[in-house]
Amino acid sequence: MRQDRSGKWTASCLAPDGERVRAPETFETKKDAEIWLSQGEADLSRGDWRAPDAAAVDFR
């Protein structure tokens, strides 16, 4: 997690494949960013984690 100049927080974590996954939004508080990270960790531990862009389809 890190705080931007605007004061908002960004969060990211490493996916099982080693790719960095960034939260799709910024957070008003550090606590909100921590919650996003905790939910991702819980998904990983349960085996429920899915890449945020897994459903994206590139039709090019």
N, C-alpha and C. Protein backbone atom coordinates (compact mmCIF):
# COMPACT_ATOMS: atom_id res chain seq x y z
N MET A 1 0.84 -1.17 0.00
CA MET A 1 0.00 0.00 0.00
C MET A 1 0.89 1.23 0.00
N ARG A 2 0.36 2.26 -0.61
CA ARG A 2 1.06 3.54 -0.54
C ARG A 2 0.05 4.66 -0.68
N GLN A 3 0.45 5.81 -0.16
CA GLN A 3 -0.43 6.97 -0.21
C GLN A 3 0.00 7.87 -1.36
N ASP A 4 -0.96 8.26 -2.18
CA ASP A 4 -0.70 9.18 -3.30
C ASP A 4 -0.59 10.60 -2.78
N ARG A 5 -0.14 11.48 -3.65
CA ARG A 5 -0.08 12.91 -3.30
C ARG A 5 -1.44 13.47 -2.93
N SER A 6 -2.47 12.89 -3.54
CA SER A 6 -3.83 13.36 -3.27
C SER A 6 -4.31 12.96 -1.87
N GLY A 7 -3.57 12.08 -1.22
CA GLY A 7 -3.97 11.59 0.09
C GLY A 7 -4.71 10.28 0.05
N LYS A 8 -5.08 9.84 -1.16
CA LYS A 8 -5.77 8.56 -1.29
C LYS A 8 -4.74 7.42 -1.26
N TRP A 9 -5.24 6.23 -0.97
CA TRP A 9 -4.38 5.06 -0.84
C TRP A 9 -4.56 4.11 -2.02
N THR A 10 -3.47 3.53 -2.47
CA THR A 10 -3.52 2.49 -3.49
C THR A 10 -3.02 1.20 -2.85
N ALA A 11 -3.51 0.09 -3.35
CA ALA A 11 -3.12 -1.21 -2.81
C ALA A 11 -2.83 -2.15 -3.96
N SER A 12 -1.89 -3.05 -3.74
CA SER A 12 -1.59 -4.08 -4.72
C SER A 12 -1.01 -5.28 -4.00
N CYS A 13 -1.06 -6.43 -4.68
CA CYS A 13 -0.50 -7.65 -4.11
C CYS A 13 0.00 -8.52 -5.26
N LEU A 14 0.75 -9.54 -4.92
CA LEU A 14 1.24 -10.48 -5.91
C LEU A 14 0.24 -11.63 -6.05
N ALA A 15 -0.12 -11.92 -7.29
CA ALA A 15 -1.01 -13.04 -7.59
C ALA A 15 -0.20 -14.34 -7.53
N PRO A 16 -0.87 -15.47 -7.51
CA PRO A 16 -0.16 -16.75 -7.47
C PRO A 16 0.82 -16.94 -8.64
N ASP A 17 0.54 -16.31 -9.77
CA ASP A 17 1.43 -16.44 -10.92
C ASP A 17 2.59 -15.45 -10.88
N GLY A 18 2.68 -14.66 -9.81
CA GLY A 18 3.77 -13.71 -9.66
C GLY A 18 3.50 -12.33 -10.24
N GLU A 19 2.36 -12.15 -10.88
CA GLU A 19 2.00 -10.86 -11.45
C GLU A 19 1.46 -9.95 -10.35
N ARG A 20 1.78 -8.66 -10.44
CA ARG A 20 1.26 -7.69 -9.47
C ARG A 20 -0.16 -7.32 -9.86
N VAL A 21 -1.07 -7.42 -8.91
CA VAL A 21 -2.48 -7.08 -9.12
C VAL A 21 -2.77 -5.83 -8.32
N ARG A 22 -3.24 -4.80 -9.00
CA ARG A 22 -3.57 -3.54 -8.34
C ARG A 22 -5.08 -3.45 -8.11
N ALA A 23 -5.44 -2.84 -7.02
CA ALA A 23 -6.86 -2.62 -6.73
C ALA A 23 -7.46 -1.79 -7.87
N PRO A 24 -8.68 -2.08 -8.24
CA PRO A 24 -9.31 -1.35 -9.34
C PRO A 24 -9.69 0.08 -9.00
N GLU A 25 -9.47 0.47 -7.76
CA GLU A 25 -9.84 1.82 -7.33
C GLU A 25 -8.83 2.29 -6.28
N THR A 26 -8.88 3.57 -5.98
CA THR A 26 -8.10 4.09 -4.85
C THR A 26 -9.02 4.16 -3.65
N PHE A 27 -8.42 4.28 -2.47
CA PHE A 27 -9.19 4.23 -1.24
C PHE A 27 -9.00 5.52 -0.46
N GLU A 28 -10.05 5.95 0.20
CA GLU A 28 -10.01 7.17 1.00
C GLU A 28 -9.14 7.01 2.23
N THR A 29 -9.14 5.81 2.80
CA THR A 29 -8.40 5.58 4.04
C THR A 29 -7.46 4.39 3.89
N LYS A 30 -6.44 4.37 4.72
CA LYS A 30 -5.50 3.25 4.75
C LYS A 30 -6.25 1.98 5.17
N LYS A 31 -7.18 2.12 6.08
CA LYS A 31 -7.96 0.97 6.56
C LYS A 31 -8.73 0.32 5.42
N ASP A 32 -9.32 1.12 4.52
CA ASP A 32 -10.05 0.58 3.37
C ASP A 32 -9.11 -0.21 2.45
N ALA A 33 -7.91 0.30 2.25
CA ALA A 33 -6.93 -0.41 1.43
C ALA A 33 -6.52 -1.71 2.10
N GLU A 34 -6.35 -1.69 3.41
CA GLU A 34 -6.01 -2.90 4.16
C GLU A 34 -7.12 -3.95 4.04
N ILE A 35 -8.35 -3.52 4.06
CA ILE A 35 -9.49 -4.43 3.92
C ILE A 35 -9.44 -5.10 2.55
N TRP A 36 -9.18 -4.34 1.50
CA TRP A 36 -9.10 -4.90 0.15
C TRP A 36 -8.01 -5.98 0.11
N LEU A 37 -6.85 -5.68 0.69
CA LEU A 37 -5.76 -6.66 0.72
C LEU A 37 -6.15 -7.90 1.53
N SER A 38 -6.79 -7.71 2.65
CA SER A 38 -7.20 -8.84 3.49
C SER A 38 -8.19 -9.74 2.77
N GLN A 39 -9.11 -9.14 2.02
CA GLN A 39 -10.08 -9.94 1.28
C GLN A 39 -9.39 -10.76 0.19
N GLY A 40 -8.40 -10.17 -0.46
CA GLY A 40 -7.63 -10.92 -1.46
C GLY A 40 -6.86 -12.07 -0.85
N GLU A 41 -6.26 -11.83 0.31
CA GLU A 41 -5.53 -12.90 1.00
C GLU A 41 -6.48 -14.02 1.43
N ALA A 42 -7.67 -13.66 1.89
CA ALA A 42 -8.66 -14.67 2.27
C ALA A 42 -9.09 -15.50 1.07
N ASP A 43 -9.31 -14.84 -0.07
CA ASP A 43 -9.66 -15.55 -1.30
C ASP A 43 -8.55 -16.53 -1.68
N LEU A 44 -7.31 -16.09 -1.58
CA LEU A 44 -6.17 -16.96 -1.91
C LEU A 44 -6.14 -18.18 -0.99
N SER A 45 -6.31 -17.98 0.28
CA SER A 45 -6.23 -19.09 1.23
C SER A 45 -7.36 -20.10 1.04
N ARG A 46 -8.53 -19.62 0.58
CA ARG A 46 -9.66 -20.52 0.32
C ARG A 46 -9.59 -21.15 -1.07
N GLY A 47 -8.69 -20.65 -1.91
CA GLY A 47 -8.63 -21.14 -3.28
C GLY A 47 -9.68 -20.51 -4.18
N ASP A 48 -10.24 -19.38 -3.75
CA ASP A 48 -11.29 -18.70 -4.51
C ASP A 48 -10.78 -17.51 -5.32
N TRP A 49 -9.48 -17.26 -5.31
CA TRP A 49 -8.96 -16.07 -5.96
C TRP A 49 -9.07 -16.20 -7.47
N ARG A 50 -9.50 -15.12 -8.11
CA ARG A 50 -9.56 -15.04 -9.57
C ARG A 50 -8.94 -13.71 -9.98
N ALA A 51 -8.21 -13.75 -11.07
CA ALA A 51 -7.60 -12.53 -11.59
C ALA A 51 -8.71 -11.54 -11.92
N PRO A 52 -8.53 -10.26 -11.57
CA PRO A 52 -9.59 -9.27 -11.83
C PRO A 52 -9.98 -9.17 -13.30
N ASP A 53 -9.04 -9.45 -14.20
CA ASP A 53 -9.35 -9.35 -15.63
C ASP A 53 -9.58 -10.71 -16.26
N ALA A 54 -9.85 -11.75 -15.46
CA ALA A 54 -10.03 -13.10 -15.98
C ALA A 54 -11.21 -13.18 -16.94
N ALA A 55 -12.22 -12.37 -16.73
CA ALA A 55 -13.40 -12.41 -17.59
C ALA A 55 -13.26 -11.50 -18.80
N ALA A 56 -12.21 -10.71 -18.85
CA ALA A 56 -12.02 -9.79 -19.97
C ALA A 56 -11.69 -10.58 -21.24
N VAL A 57 -12.31 -10.18 -22.30
CA VAL A 57 -12.08 -10.83 -23.59
C VAL A 57 -11.59 -9.78 -24.57
N ASP A 58 -10.48 -10.06 -25.21
CA ASP A 58 -9.93 -9.14 -26.21
C ASP A 58 -10.35 -9.64 -27.60
N PHE A 59 -11.21 -8.88 -28.26
CA PHE A 59 -11.73 -9.30 -29.56
C PHE A 59 -10.89 -8.80 -30.73
N ARG A 60 -9.73 -8.19 -30.44
CA ARG A 60 -8.89 -7.74 -31.54
C ARG A 60 -8.30 -8.85 -32.32
